[in-house]
Amino acid sequence: QVLLVESGGGLVQRGGSLRLSCAASGSAFSLWTMAWYRQGPGKQRELVASITGDGNIDVLDSVKGRFTISRDNANNLVFLQMNSLKPEDTAVYYCNSPLGRDGRWRWGRGTQVTVSS
């Protein structure tokens, strides 16, 4: 079982930036597509951005041009650079490897992102 640890969240004002990190245990990390998800208050978890092992990226329309996903396969890390943050980006952010509509592995604790207006 892969362990996932997210970090980097915090409280920022509208227009601010944050960089989230996700550390994954285990081997063969580069083989897995990785993704960032978020779950806002009273909302279902949604997939925000994904990146394949060789760097192909897909991003939710509402964050295009503002969020950038990247990965460091040598160190089993995935990042989410978030710029021009909006209050509607407020959520707990999680990383995982997509499997259908769910994550492949047990969900970590996530990291809270709060954007004030």
PDB file of N, CA and C in Angstrom:
ATOM      1  N   GLN A   1       0.854  -1.198   0.000  1.00  0.00           N
ATOM      2  CA  GLN A   1       0.000   0.000   0.000  1.00  0.00           C
ATOM      3  C   GLN A   1       0.889   1.248   0.000  1.00  0.00           C
ATOM      4  N   VAL A   2       0.598   2.156  -0.902  1.00  0.00           N
ATOM      5  CA  VAL A   2       1.343   3.405  -0.990  1.00  0.00           C
ATOM      6  C   VAL A   2       0.800   4.393   0.027  1.00  0.00           C
ATOM      7  N   LEU A   3       1.685   5.052   0.745  1.00  0.00           N
ATOM      8  CA  LEU A   3       1.299   6.103   1.687  1.00  0.00           C
ATOM      9  C   LEU A   3       1.483   7.459   1.025  1.00  0.00           C
ATOM     10  N   LEU A   4       0.498   8.315   1.218  1.00  0.00           N
ATOM     11  CA  LEU A   4       0.494   9.637   0.598  1.00  0.00           C
ATOM     12  C   LEU A   4       0.471  10.699   1.688  1.00  0.00           C
ATOM     13  N   VAL A   5       1.369  11.667   1.582  1.00  0.00           N
ATOM     14  CA  VAL A   5       1.422  12.758   2.555  1.00  0.00           C
ATOM     15  C   VAL A   5       1.443  14.076   1.806  1.00  0.00           C
ATOM     16  N   GLU A   6       0.383  14.857   2.012  1.00  0.00           N
ATOM     17  CA  GLU A   6       0.258  16.159   1.358  1.00  0.00           C
ATOM     18  C   GLU A   6       0.698  17.263   2.315  1.00  0.00           C
ATOM     19  N   SER A   7       1.244  18.324   1.757  1.00  0.00           N
ATOM     20  CA  SER A   7       1.664  19.468   2.573  1.00  0.00           C
ATOM     21  C   SER A   7       1.650  20.729   1.725  1.00  0.00           C
ATOM     22  N   GLY A   8       1.783  21.861   2.397  1.00  0.00           N
ATOM     23  CA  GLY A   8       1.914  23.125   1.690  1.00  0.00           C
ATOM     24  C   GLY A   8       0.690  24.014   1.704  1.00  0.00           C
ATOM     25  N   GLY A   9      -0.402  23.534   2.274  1.00  0.00           N
ATOM     26  CA  GLY A   9      -1.603  24.358   2.326  1.00  0.00           C
ATOM     27  C   GLY A   9      -1.461  25.506   3.310  1.00  0.00           C
ATOM     28  N   GLY A  10      -2.476  26.343   3.336  1.00  0.00           N
ATOM     29  CA  GLY A  10      -2.465  27.469   4.267  1.00  0.00           C
ATOM     30  C   GLY A  10      -3.574  28.439   3.962  1.00  0.00           C
ATOM     31  N   LEU A  11      -3.489  29.588   4.609  1.00  0.00           N
ATOM     32  CA  LEU A  11      -4.469  30.666   4.425  1.00  0.00           C
ATOM     33  C   LEU A  11      -3.823  31.767   3.599  1.00  0.00           C
ATOM     34  N   VAL A  12      -4.460  32.100   2.483  1.00  0.00           N
ATOM     35  CA  VAL A  12      -3.954  33.166   1.635  1.00  0.00           C
ATOM     36  C   VAL A  12      -5.103  34.085   1.231  1.00  0.00           C
ATOM     37  N   GLN A  13      -4.761  35.260   0.798  1.00  0.00           N
ATOM     38  CA  GLN A  13      -5.761  36.187   0.291  1.00  0.00           C
ATOM     39  C   GLN A  13      -6.033  35.915  -1.189  1.00  0.00           C
ATOM     40  N   ARG A  14      -7.164  36.398  -1.628  1.00  0.00           N
ATOM     41  CA  ARG A  14      -7.489  36.307  -3.057  1.00  0.00           C
ATOM     42  C   ARG A  14      -6.309  36.823  -3.883  1.00  0.00           C
ATOM     43  N   GLY A  15      -5.974  36.083  -4.942  1.00  0.00           N
ATOM     44  CA  GLY A  15      -4.858  36.475  -5.790  1.00  0.00           C
ATOM     45  C   GLY A  15      -3.513  35.929  -5.367  1.00  0.00           C
ATOM     46  N   GLY A  16      -3.468  35.301  -4.209  1.00  0.00           N
ATOM     47  CA  GLY A  16      -2.216  34.763  -3.704  1.00  0.00           C
ATOM     48  C   GLY A  16      -1.843  33.440  -4.340  1.00  0.00           C
ATOM     49  N   SER A  17      -0.725  32.903  -3.887  1.00  0.00           N
ATOM     50  CA  SER A  17      -0.195  31.660  -4.442  1.00  0.00           C
ATOM     51  C   SER A  17       0.189  30.692  -3.333  1.00  0.00           C
ATOM     52  N   LEU A  18       0.105  29.422  -3.661  1.00  0.00           N
ATOM     53  CA  LEU A  18       0.582  28.359  -2.788  1.00  0.00           C
ATOM     54  C   LEU A  18       1.166  27.252  -3.658  1.00  0.00           C
ATOM     55  N   ARG A  19       2.103  26.519  -3.082  1.00  0.00           N
ATOM     56  CA  ARG A  19       2.649  25.348  -3.770  1.00  0.00           C
ATOM     57  C   ARG A  19       2.440  24.136  -2.876  1.00  0.00           C
ATOM     58  N   LEU A  20       1.663  23.218  -3.339  1.00  0.00           N
ATOM     59  CA  LEU A  20       1.394  21.993  -2.599  1.00  0.00           C
ATOM     60  C   LEU A  20       2.368  20.905  -3.012  1.00  0.00           C
ATOM     61  N   SER A  21       2.707  20.057  -2.056  1.00  0.00           N
ATOM     62  CA  SER A  21       3.590  18.922  -2.318  1.00  0.00           C
ATOM     63  C   SER A  21       2.916  17.642  -1.847  1.00  0.00           C
ATOM     64  N   CYS A  22       3.217  16.582  -2.539  1.00  0.00           N
ATOM     65  CA  CYS A  22       2.714  15.261  -2.162  1.00  0.00           C
ATOM     66  C   CYS A  22       3.881  14.283  -2.231  1.00  0.00           C
ATOM     67  N   ALA A  23       4.124  13.608  -1.127  1.00  0.00           N
ATOM     68  CA  ALA A  23       5.159  12.587  -1.074  1.00  0.00           C
ATOM     69  C   ALA A  23       4.497  11.216  -1.057  1.00  0.00           C
ATOM     70  N   ALA A  24       4.938  10.349  -1.938  1.00  0.00           N
ATOM     71  CA  ALA A  24       4.379   8.997  -2.048  1.00  0.00           C
ATOM     72  C   ALA A  24       5.447   7.968  -1.719  1.00  0.00           C
ATOM     73  N   SER A  25       5.073   6.989  -0.916  1.00  0.00           N
ATOM     74  CA  SER A  25       6.009   5.909  -0.608  1.00  0.00           C
ATOM     75  C   SER A  25       5.960   4.875  -1.717  1.00  0.00           C
ATOM     76  N   GLY A  26       6.826   3.894  -1.635  1.00  0.00           N
ATOM     77  CA  GLY A  26       6.758   2.781  -2.563  1.00  0.00           C
ATOM     78  C   GLY A  26       7.651   2.937  -3.775  1.00  0.00           C
ATOM     79  N   SER A  27       7.634   1.910  -4.593  1.00  0.00           N
ATOM     80  CA  SER A  27       8.489   1.882  -5.775  1.00  0.00           C
ATOM     81  C   SER A  27       7.656   2.056  -7.035  1.00  0.00           C
ATOM     82  N   ALA A  28       8.340   2.148  -8.152  1.00  0.00           N
ATOM     83  CA  ALA A  28       7.692   2.266  -9.460  1.00  0.00           C
ATOM     84  C   ALA A  28       6.809   3.502  -9.561  1.00  0.00           C
ATOM     85  N   PHE A  29       7.140   4.530  -8.831  1.00  0.00           N
ATOM     86  CA  PHE A  29       6.322   5.756  -8.812  1.00  0.00           C
ATOM     87  C   PHE A  29       6.137   6.312 -10.216  1.00  0.00           C
ATOM     88  N   SER A  30       7.170   6.268 -11.017  1.00  0.00           N
ATOM     89  CA  SER A  30       7.107   6.881 -12.342  1.00  0.00           C
ATOM     90  C   SER A  30       6.109   6.185 -13.269  1.00  0.00           C
ATOM     91  N   LEU A  31       5.668   5.007 -12.907  1.00  0.00           N
ATOM     92  CA  LEU A  31       4.726   4.278 -13.747  1.00  0.00           C
ATOM     93  C   LEU A  31       3.288   4.762 -13.557  1.00  0.00           C
ATOM     94  N   TRP A  32       3.035   5.432 -12.442  1.00  0.00           N
ATOM     95  CA  TRP A  32       1.662   5.785 -12.103  1.00  0.00           C
ATOM     96  C   TRP A  32       1.310   7.193 -12.543  1.00  0.00           C
ATOM     97  N   THR A  33       0.125   7.339 -13.106  1.00  0.00           N
ATOM     98  CA  THR A  33      -0.451   8.673 -13.240  1.00  0.00           C
ATOM     99  C   THR A  33      -0.787   9.175 -11.839  1.00  0.00           C
ATOM    100  N   MET A  34      -0.442  10.419 -11.577  1.00  0.00           N
ATOM    101  CA  MET A  34      -0.744  11.031 -10.284  1.00  0.00           C
ATOM    102  C   MET A  34      -1.675  12.222 -10.493  1.00  0.00           C
ATOM    103  N   ALA A  35      -2.436  12.524  -9.479  1.00  0.00           N
ATOM    104  CA  ALA A  35      -3.415  13.597  -9.605  1.00  0.00           C
ATOM    105  C   ALA A  35      -3.597  14.324  -8.285  1.00  0.00           C
ATOM    106  N   TRP A  36      -4.036  15.545  -8.399  1.00  0.00           N
ATOM    107  CA  TRP A  36      -4.494  16.324  -7.257  1.00  0.00           C
ATOM    108  C   TRP A  36      -6.009  16.411  -7.314  1.00  0.00           C
ATOM    109  N   TYR A  37      -6.610  16.225  -6.155  1.00  0.00           N
ATOM    110  CA  TYR A  37      -8.045  16.336  -5.985  1.00  0.00           C
ATOM    111  C   TYR A  37      -8.322  17.404  -4.922  1.00  0.00           C
ATOM    112  N   ARG A  38      -9.558  17.846  -4.885  1.00  0.00           N
ATOM    113  CA  ARG A  38      -9.954  18.745  -3.797  1.00  0.00           C
ATOM    114  C   ARG A  38     -11.403  18.484  -3.411  1.00  0.00           C
ATOM    115  N   GLN A  39     -11.679  18.788  -2.157  1.00  0.00           N
ATOM    116  CA  GLN A  39     -13.035  18.669  -1.648  1.00  0.00           C
ATOM    117  C   GLN A  39     -13.356  19.918  -0.854  1.00  0.00           C
ATOM    118  N   GLY A  40     -14.214  20.733  -1.431  1.00  0.00           N
ATOM    119  CA  GLY A  40     -14.631  21.956  -0.762  1.00  0.00           C
ATOM    120  C   GLY A  40     -15.751  21.703   0.223  1.00  0.00           C
ATOM    121  N   PRO A  41     -16.063  22.674   1.059  1.00  0.00           N
ATOM    122  CA  PRO A  41     -17.125  22.516   2.062  1.00  0.00           C
ATOM    123  C   PRO A  41     -18.457  22.150   1.418  1.00  0.00           C
ATOM    124  N   GLY A  42     -19.021  21.044   1.832  1.00  0.00           N
ATOM    125  CA  GLY A  42     -20.312  20.616   1.307  1.00  0.00           C
ATOM    126  C   GLY A  42     -20.288  20.125  -0.128  1.00  0.00           C
ATOM    127  N   LYS A  43     -19.106  19.872  -0.652  1.00  0.00           N
ATOM    128  CA  LYS A  43     -19.000  19.448  -2.054  1.00  0.00           C
ATOM    129  C   LYS A  43     -18.365  18.067  -2.151  1.00  0.00           C
ATOM    130  N   GLN A  44     -18.560  17.449  -3.298  1.00  0.00           N
ATOM    131  CA  GLN A  44     -17.903  16.179  -3.554  1.00  0.00           C
ATOM    132  C   GLN A  44     -16.452  16.418  -3.962  1.00  0.00           C
ATOM    133  N   ARG A  45     -15.649  15.409  -3.731  1.00  0.00           N
ATOM    134  CA  ARG A  45     -14.256  15.488  -4.158  1.00  0.00           C
ATOM    135  C   ARG A  45     -14.193  15.547  -5.681  1.00  0.00           C
ATOM    136  N   GLU A  46     -13.332  16.420  -6.207  1.00  0.00           N
ATOM    137  CA  GLU A  46     -13.175  16.531  -7.651  1.00  0.00           C
ATOM    138  C   GLU A  46     -11.705  16.473  -8.022  1.00  0.00           C
ATOM    139  N   LEU A  47     -11.454  15.970  -9.210  1.00  0.00           N
ATOM    140  CA  LEU A  47     -10.092  15.883  -9.719  1.00  0.00           C
ATOM    141  C   LEU A  47      -9.709  17.228 -10.309  1.00  0.00           C
ATOM    142  N   VAL A  48      -8.612  17.772  -9.847  1.00  0.00           N
ATOM    143  CA  VAL A  48      -8.176  19.100 -10.266  1.00  0.00           C
ATOM    144  C   VAL A  48      -7.178  19.035 -11.416  1.00  0.00           C
ATOM    145  N   ALA A  49      -6.201  18.163 -11.293  1.00  0.00           N
ATOM    146  CA  ALA A  49      -5.161  18.055 -12.316  1.00  0.00           C
ATOM    147  C   ALA A  49      -4.514  16.689 -12.209  1.00  0.00           C
ATOM    148  N   SER A  50      -4.082  16.181 -13.357  1.00  0.00           N
ATOM    149  CA  SER A  50      -3.400  14.884 -13.376  1.00  0.00           C
ATOM    150  C   SER A  50      -2.176  14.966 -14.271  1.00  0.00           C
ATOM    151  N   ILE A  51      -1.220  14.091 -13.998  1.00  0.00           N
ATOM    152  CA  ILE A  51      -0.001  14.047 -14.785  1.00  0.00           C
ATOM    153  C   ILE A  51       0.439  12.592 -14.912  1.00  0.00           C
ATOM    154  N   THR A  52       0.700  12.163 -16.142  1.00  0.00           N
ATOM    155  CA  THR A  52       1.155  10.800 -16.350  1.00  0.00           C
ATOM    156  C   THR A  52       2.635  10.679 -15.992  1.00  0.00           C
ATOM    157  N   GLY A  53       3.116   9.475 -15.986  1.00  0.00           N
ATOM    158  CA  GLY A  53       4.512   9.245 -15.638  1.00  0.00           C
ATOM    159  C   GLY A  53       5.484   9.944 -16.566  1.00  0.00           C
ATOM    160  N   ASP A  54       5.068  10.118 -17.809  1.00  0.00           N
ATOM    161  CA  ASP A  54       5.962  10.782 -18.764  1.00  0.00           C
ATOM    162  C   ASP A  54       5.552  12.217 -19.034  1.00  0.00           C
ATOM    163  N   GLY A  55       4.692  12.768 -18.169  1.00  0.00           N
ATOM    164  CA  GLY A  55       4.472  14.205 -18.174  1.00  0.00           C
ATOM    165  C   GLY A  55       3.271  14.746 -18.927  1.00  0.00           C
ATOM    166  N   ASN A  56       2.374  13.899 -19.388  1.00  0.00           N
ATOM    167  CA  ASN A  56       1.158  14.405 -20.029  1.00  0.00           C
ATOM    168  C   ASN A  56       0.190  14.912 -18.960  1.00  0.00           C
ATOM    169  N   ILE A  57      -0.355  16.087 -19.186  1.00  0.00           N
ATOM    170  CA  ILE A  57      -1.115  16.795 -18.148  1.00  0.00           C
ATOM    171  C   ILE A  57      -2.545  17.043 -18.599  1.00  0.00           C
ATOM    172  N   ASP A  58      -3.439  16.938 -17.646  1.00  0.00           N
ATOM    173  CA  ASP A  58      -4.835  17.308 -17.844  1.00  0.00           C
ATOM    174  C   ASP A  58      -5.254  18.149 -16.655  1.00  0.00           C
ATOM    175  N   VAL A  59      -6.004  19.220 -16.906  1.00  0.00           N
ATOM    176  CA  VAL A  59      -6.329  20.177 -15.852  1.00  0.00           C
ATOM    177  C   VAL A  59      -7.811  20.543 -15.929  1.00  0.00           C
ATOM    178  N   LEU A  60      -8.431  20.660 -14.773  1.00  0.00           N
ATOM    179  CA  LEU A  60      -9.817  21.093 -14.679  1.00  0.00           C
ATOM    180  C   LEU A  60      -9.968  22.477 -15.306  1.00  0.00           C
ATOM    181  N   ASP A  61     -11.034  22.661 -16.069  1.00  0.00           N
ATOM    182  CA  ASP A  61     -11.217  23.927 -16.787  1.00  0.00           C
ATOM    183  C   ASP A  61     -11.165  25.137 -15.865  1.00  0.00           C
ATOM    184  N   SER A  62     -11.735  25.014 -14.681  1.00  0.00           N
ATOM    185  CA  SER A  62     -11.842  26.170 -13.790  1.00  0.00           C
ATOM    186  C   SER A  62     -10.501  26.608 -13.211  1.00  0.00           C
ATOM    187  N   VAL A  63      -9.470  25.806 -13.364  1.00  0.00           N
ATOM    188  CA  VAL A  63      -8.156  26.179 -12.842  1.00  0.00           C
ATOM    189  C   VAL A  63      -7.110  26.327 -13.942  1.00  0.00           C
ATOM    190  N   LYS A  64      -7.508  26.138 -15.178  1.00  0.00           N
ATOM    191  CA  LYS A  64      -6.559  26.273 -16.283  1.00  0.00           C
ATOM    192  C   LYS A  64      -5.966  27.674 -16.314  1.00  0.00           C
ATOM    193  N   GLY A  65      -4.655  27.722 -16.516  1.00  0.00           N
ATOM    194  CA  GLY A  65      -3.972  29.006 -16.537  1.00  0.00           C
ATOM    195  C   GLY A  65      -3.601  29.511 -15.159  1.00  0.00           C
ATOM    196  N   ARG A  66      -4.097  28.858 -14.113  1.00  0.00           N
ATOM    197  CA  ARG A  66      -3.776  29.273 -12.745  1.00  0.00           C
ATOM    198  C   ARG A  66      -3.007  28.195 -11.979  1.00  0.00           C
ATOM    199  N   PHE A  67      -3.350  26.949 -12.200  1.00  0.00           N
ATOM    200  CA  PHE A  67      -2.724  25.823 -11.486  1.00  0.00           C
ATOM    201  C   PHE A  67      -1.822  25.050 -12.440  1.00  0.00           C
ATOM    202  N   THR A  68      -0.683  24.605 -11.916  1.00  0.00           N
ATOM    203  CA  THR A  68       0.258  23.801 -12.690  1.00  0.00           C
ATOM    204  C   THR A  68       0.659  22.576 -11.877  1.00  0.00           C
ATOM    205  N   ILE A  69       0.507  21.418 -12.473  1.00  0.00           N
ATOM    206  CA  ILE A  69       0.924  20.175 -11.820  1.00  0.00           C
ATOM    207  C   ILE A  69       2.274  19.746 -12.381  1.00  0.00           C
ATOM    208  N   SER A  70       3.112  19.212 -11.513  1.00  0.00           N
ATOM    209  CA  SER A  70       4.412  18.698 -11.945  1.00  0.00           C
ATOM    210  C   SER A  70       4.800  17.541 -11.030  1.00  0.00           C
ATOM    211  N   ARG A  71       5.848  16.840 -11.403  1.00  0.00           N
ATOM    212  CA  ARG A  71       6.279  15.707 -10.595  1.00  0.00           C
ATOM    213  C   ARG A  71       7.785  15.553 -10.638  1.00  0.00           C
ATOM    214  N   ASP A  72       8.306  14.916  -9.614  1.00  0.00           N
ATOM    215  CA  ASP A  72       9.721  14.588  -9.499  1.00  0.00           C
ATOM    216  C   ASP A  72       9.796  13.077  -9.277  1.00  0.00           C
ATOM    217  N   ASN A  73       9.982  12.341 -10.348  1.00  0.00           N
ATOM    218  CA  ASN A  73       9.941  10.874 -10.244  1.00  0.00           C
ATOM    219  C   ASN A  73      11.106  10.316  -9.424  1.00  0.00           C
ATOM    220  N   ALA A  74      12.203  10.999  -9.425  1.00  0.00           N
ATOM    221  CA  ALA A  74      13.368  10.499  -8.680  1.00  0.00           C
ATOM    222  C   ALA A  74      13.119  10.502  -7.177  1.00  0.00           C
ATOM    223  N   ASN A  75      12.245  11.406  -6.739  1.00  0.00           N
ATOM    224  CA  ASN A  75      12.001  11.540  -5.299  1.00  0.00           C
ATOM    225  C   ASN A  75      10.553  11.248  -4.902  1.00  0.00           C
ATOM    226  N   ASN A  76       9.795  10.670  -5.825  1.00  0.00           N
ATOM    227  CA  ASN A  76       8.396  10.297  -5.534  1.00  0.00           C
ATOM    228  C   ASN A  76       7.563  11.490  -5.049  1.00  0.00           C
ATOM    229  N   LEU A  77       7.680  12.596  -5.759  1.00  0.00           N
ATOM    230  CA  LEU A  77       6.968  13.809  -5.366  1.00  0.00           C
ATOM    231  C   LEU A  77       6.070  14.311  -6.495  1.00  0.00           C
ATOM    232  N   VAL A  78       4.951  14.887  -6.089  1.00  0.00           N
ATOM    233  CA  VAL A  78       4.051  15.565  -7.021  1.00  0.00           C
ATOM    234  C   VAL A  78       3.763  16.948  -6.446  1.00  0.00           C
ATOM    235  N   PHE A  79       3.681  17.931  -7.314  1.00  0.00           N
ATOM    236  CA  PHE A  79       3.476  19.311  -6.871  1.00  0.00           C
ATOM    237  C   PHE A  79       2.247  19.907  -7.551  1.00  0.00           C
ATOM    238  N   LEU A  80       1.670  20.891  -6.883  1.00  0.00           N
ATOM    239  CA  LEU A  80       0.608  21.684  -7.494  1.00  0.00           C
ATOM    240  C   LEU A  80       0.904  23.140  -7.179  1.00  0.00           C
ATOM    241  N   GLN A  81       1.314  23.866  -8.189  1.00  0.00           N
ATOM    242  CA  GLN A  81       1.534  25.307  -8.052  1.00  0.00           C
ATOM    243  C   GLN A  81       0.210  26.008  -8.332  1.00  0.00           C
ATOM    244  N   MET A  82      -0.259  26.759  -7.367  1.00  0.00           N
ATOM    245  CA  MET A  82      -1.554  27.426  -7.482  1.00  0.00           C
ATOM    246  C   MET A  82      -1.346  28.925  -7.416  1.00  0.00           C
ATOM    247  N   ASN A  83      -1.700  29.608  -8.487  1.00  0.00           N
ATOM    248  CA  ASN A  83      -1.580  31.057  -8.570  1.00  0.00           C
ATOM    249  C   ASN A  83      -2.963  31.682  -8.734  1.00  0.00           C
ATOM    250  N   SER A  84      -3.035  32.962  -8.516  1.00  0.00           N
ATOM    251  CA  SER A  84      -4.289  33.707  -8.682  1.00  0.00           C
ATOM    252  C   SER A  84      -5.435  33.006  -7.966  1.00  0.00           C
ATOM    253  N   LEU A  85      -5.205  32.635  -6.749  1.00  0.00           N
ATOM    254  CA  LEU A  85      -6.207  31.870  -6.002  1.00  0.00           C
ATOM    255  C   LEU A  85      -7.474  32.663  -5.754  1.00  0.00           C
ATOM    256  N   LYS A  86      -8.586  31.943  -5.765  1.00  0.00           N
ATOM    257  CA  LYS A  86      -9.908  32.526  -5.561  1.00  0.00           C
ATOM    258  C   LYS A  86     -10.566  31.881  -4.346  1.00  0.00           C
ATOM    259  N   PRO A  87     -11.500  32.554  -3.714  1.00  0.00           N
ATOM    260  CA  PRO A  87     -12.195  31.947  -2.572  1.00  0.00           C
ATOM    261  C   PRO A  87     -12.809  30.588  -2.909  1.00  0.00           C
ATOM    262  N   GLU A  88     -13.259  30.413  -4.139  1.00  0.00           N
ATOM    263  CA  GLU A  88     -13.864  29.135  -4.522  1.00  0.00           C
ATOM    264  C   GLU A  88     -12.848  28.005  -4.635  1.00  0.00           C
ATOM    265  N   ASP A  89     -11.556  28.315  -4.532  1.00  0.00           N
ATOM    266  CA  ASP A  89     -10.527  27.273  -4.492  1.00  0.00           C
ATOM    267  C   ASP A  89     -10.356  26.706  -3.081  1.00  0.00           C
ATOM    268  N   THR A  90     -11.030  27.290  -2.120  1.00  0.00           N
ATOM    269  CA  THR A  90     -10.950  26.805  -0.743  1.00  0.00           C
ATOM    270  C   THR A  90     -11.424  25.362  -0.665  1.00  0.00           C
ATOM    271  N   ALA A  91     -10.573  24.509  -0.135  1.00  0.00           N
ATOM    272  CA  ALA A  91     -10.875  23.073  -0.085  1.00  0.00           C
ATOM    273  C   ALA A  91      -9.737  22.361   0.626  1.00  0.00           C
ATOM    274  N   VAL A  92      -9.968  21.111   0.943  1.00  0.00           N
ATOM    275  CA  VAL A  92      -8.886  20.220   1.338  1.00  0.00           C
ATOM    276  C   VAL A  92      -8.375  19.563   0.054  1.00  0.00           C
ATOM    277  N   TYR A  93      -7.072  19.630  -0.143  1.00  0.00           N
ATOM    278  CA  TYR A  93      -6.460  19.100  -1.356  1.00  0.00           C
ATOM    279  C   TYR A  93      -5.753  17.782  -1.043  1.00  0.00           C
ATOM    280  N   TYR A  94      -5.968  16.815  -1.907  1.00  0.00           N
ATOM    281  CA  TYR A  94      -5.413  15.478  -1.757  1.00  0.00           C
ATOM    282  C   TYR A  94      -4.674  15.078  -3.033  1.00  0.00           C
ATOM    283  N   CYS A  95      -3.736  14.183  -2.892  1.00  0.00           N
ATOM    284  CA  CYS A  95      -3.144  13.567  -4.079  1.00  0.00           C
ATOM    285  C   CYS A  95      -3.447  12.079  -4.056  1.00  0.00           C
ATOM    286  N   ASN A  96      -3.435  11.492  -5.221  1.00  0.00           N
ATOM    287  CA  ASN A  96      -3.637  10.055  -5.358  1.00  0.00           C
ATOM    288  C   ASN A  96      -3.376   9.691  -6.812  1.00  0.00           C
ATOM    289  N   SER A  97      -3.438   8.422  -7.102  1.00  0.00           N
ATOM    290  CA  SER A  97      -3.371   7.953  -8.474  1.00  0.00           C
ATOM    291  C   SER A  97      -4.791   7.574  -8.884  1.00  0.00           C
ATOM    292  N   PRO A  98      -5.297   8.134  -9.966  1.00  0.00           N
ATOM    293  CA  PRO A  98      -6.687   7.883 -10.346  1.00  0.00           C
ATOM    294  C   PRO A  98      -6.958   6.410 -10.674  1.00  0.00           C
ATOM    295  N   LEU A  99      -8.082   5.940 -10.188  1.00  0.00           N
ATOM    296  CA  LEU A  99      -8.583   4.611 -10.559  1.00  0.00           C
ATOM    297  C   LEU A  99     -10.086   4.760 -10.739  1.00  0.00           C
ATOM    298  N   GLY A 100     -10.511   4.864 -11.975  1.00  0.00           N
ATOM    299  CA  GLY A 100     -11.909   5.176 -12.230  1.00  0.00           C
ATOM    300  C   GLY A 100     -12.232   6.543 -11.667  1.00  0.00           C
ATOM    301  N   ARG A 101     -13.299   6.598 -10.896  1.00  0.00           N
ATOM    302  CA  ARG A 101     -13.699   7.864 -10.296  1.00  0.00           C
ATOM    303  C   ARG A 101     -13.113   8.030  -8.886  1.00  0.00           C
ATOM    304  N   ASP A 102     -12.290   7.085  -8.465  1.00  0.00           N
ATOM    305  CA  ASP A 102     -11.729   7.113  -7.118  1.00  0.00           C
ATOM    306  C   ASP A 102     -10.208   7.119  -7.205  1.00  0.00           C
ATOM    307  N   GLY A 103      -9.579   7.057  -6.050  1.00  0.00           N
ATOM    308  CA  GLY A 103      -8.130   6.957  -6.000  1.00  0.00           C
ATOM    309  C   GLY A 103      -7.701   5.513  -5.866  1.00  0.00           C
ATOM    310  N   ARG A 104      -6.516   5.260  -6.361  1.00  0.00           N
ATOM    311  CA  ARG A 104      -6.004   3.898  -6.347  1.00  0.00           C
ATOM    312  C   ARG A 104      -5.599   3.457  -4.943  1.00  0.00           C
ATOM    313  N   TRP A 105      -5.115   4.395  -4.175  1.00  0.00           N
ATOM    314  CA  TRP A 105      -4.578   4.080  -2.843  1.00  0.00           C
ATOM    315  C   TRP A 105      -5.396   4.746  -1.740  1.00  0.00           C
ATOM    316  N   ARG A 106      -5.097   4.364  -0.515  1.00  0.00           N
ATOM    317  CA  ARG A 106      -5.786   4.974   0.615  1.00  0.00           C
ATOM    318  C   ARG A 106      -5.514   6.471   0.637  1.00  0.00           C
ATOM    319  N   TRP A 107      -6.534   7.246   0.878  1.00  0.00           N
ATOM    320  CA  TRP A 107      -6.393   8.696   0.900  1.00  0.00           C
ATOM    321  C   TRP A 107      -5.586   9.155   2.105  1.00  0.00           C
ATOM    322  N   GLY A 108      -4.740  10.150   1.874  1.00  0.00           N
ATOM    323  CA  GLY A 108      -4.016  10.771   2.976  1.00  0.00           C
ATOM    324  C   GLY A 108      -4.900  11.768   3.702  1.00  0.00           C
ATOM    325  N   ARG A 109      -4.280  12.538   4.578  1.00  0.00           N
ATOM    326  CA  ARG A 109      -5.047  13.521   5.357  1.00  0.00           C
ATOM    327  C   ARG A 109      -5.385  14.754   4.535  1.00  0.00           C
ATOM    328  N   GLY A 110      -4.671  14.966   3.475  1.00  0.00           N
ATOM    329  CA  GLY A 110      -4.897  16.161   2.688  1.00  0.00           C
ATOM    330  C   GLY A 110      -4.241  17.376   3.316  1.00  0.00           C
ATOM    331  N   THR A 111      -4.336  18.485   2.614  1.00  0.00           N
ATOM    332  CA  THR A 111      -3.814  19.755   3.133  1.00  0.00           C
ATOM    333  C   THR A 111      -4.848  20.841   2.856  1.00  0.00           C
ATOM    334  N   GLN A 112      -5.157  21.618   3.884  1.00  0.00           N
ATOM    335  CA  GLN A 112      -6.223  22.613   3.792  1.00  0.00           C
ATOM    336  C   GLN A 112      -5.723  23.872   3.097  1.00  0.00           C
ATOM    337  N   VAL A 113      -6.472  24.298   2.108  1.00  0.00           N
ATOM    338  CA  VAL A 113      -6.221  25.574   1.436  1.00  0.00           C
ATOM    339  C   VAL A 113      -7.434  26.470   1.671  1.00  0.00           C
ATOM    340  N   THR A 114      -7.187  27.628   2.238  1.00  0.00           N
ATOM    341  CA  THR A 114      -8.260  28.585   2.495  1.00  0.00           C
ATOM    342  C   THR A 114      -7.893  29.906   1.843  1.00  0.00           C
ATOM    343  N   VAL A 115      -8.791  30.388   0.998  1.00  0.00           N
ATOM    344  CA  VAL A 115      -8.558  31.647   0.291  1.00  0.00           C
ATOM    345  C   VAL A 115      -9.580  32.653   0.779  1.00  0.00           C
ATOM    346  N   SER A 116      -9.101  33.706   1.364  1.00  0.00           N
ATOM    347  CA  SER A 116      -9.999  34.736   1.890  1.00  0.00           C
ATOM    348  C   SER A 116     -10.245  35.806   0.828  1.00  0.00           C
ATOM    349  N   SER A 117     -11.405  36.418   0.953  1.00  0.00           N
ATOM    350  CA  SER A 117     -11.756  37.459  -0.010  1.00  0.00           C
ATOM    351  C   SER A 117     -11.418  38.848   0.521  1.00  0.00           C
TER     352      SER A 117
END
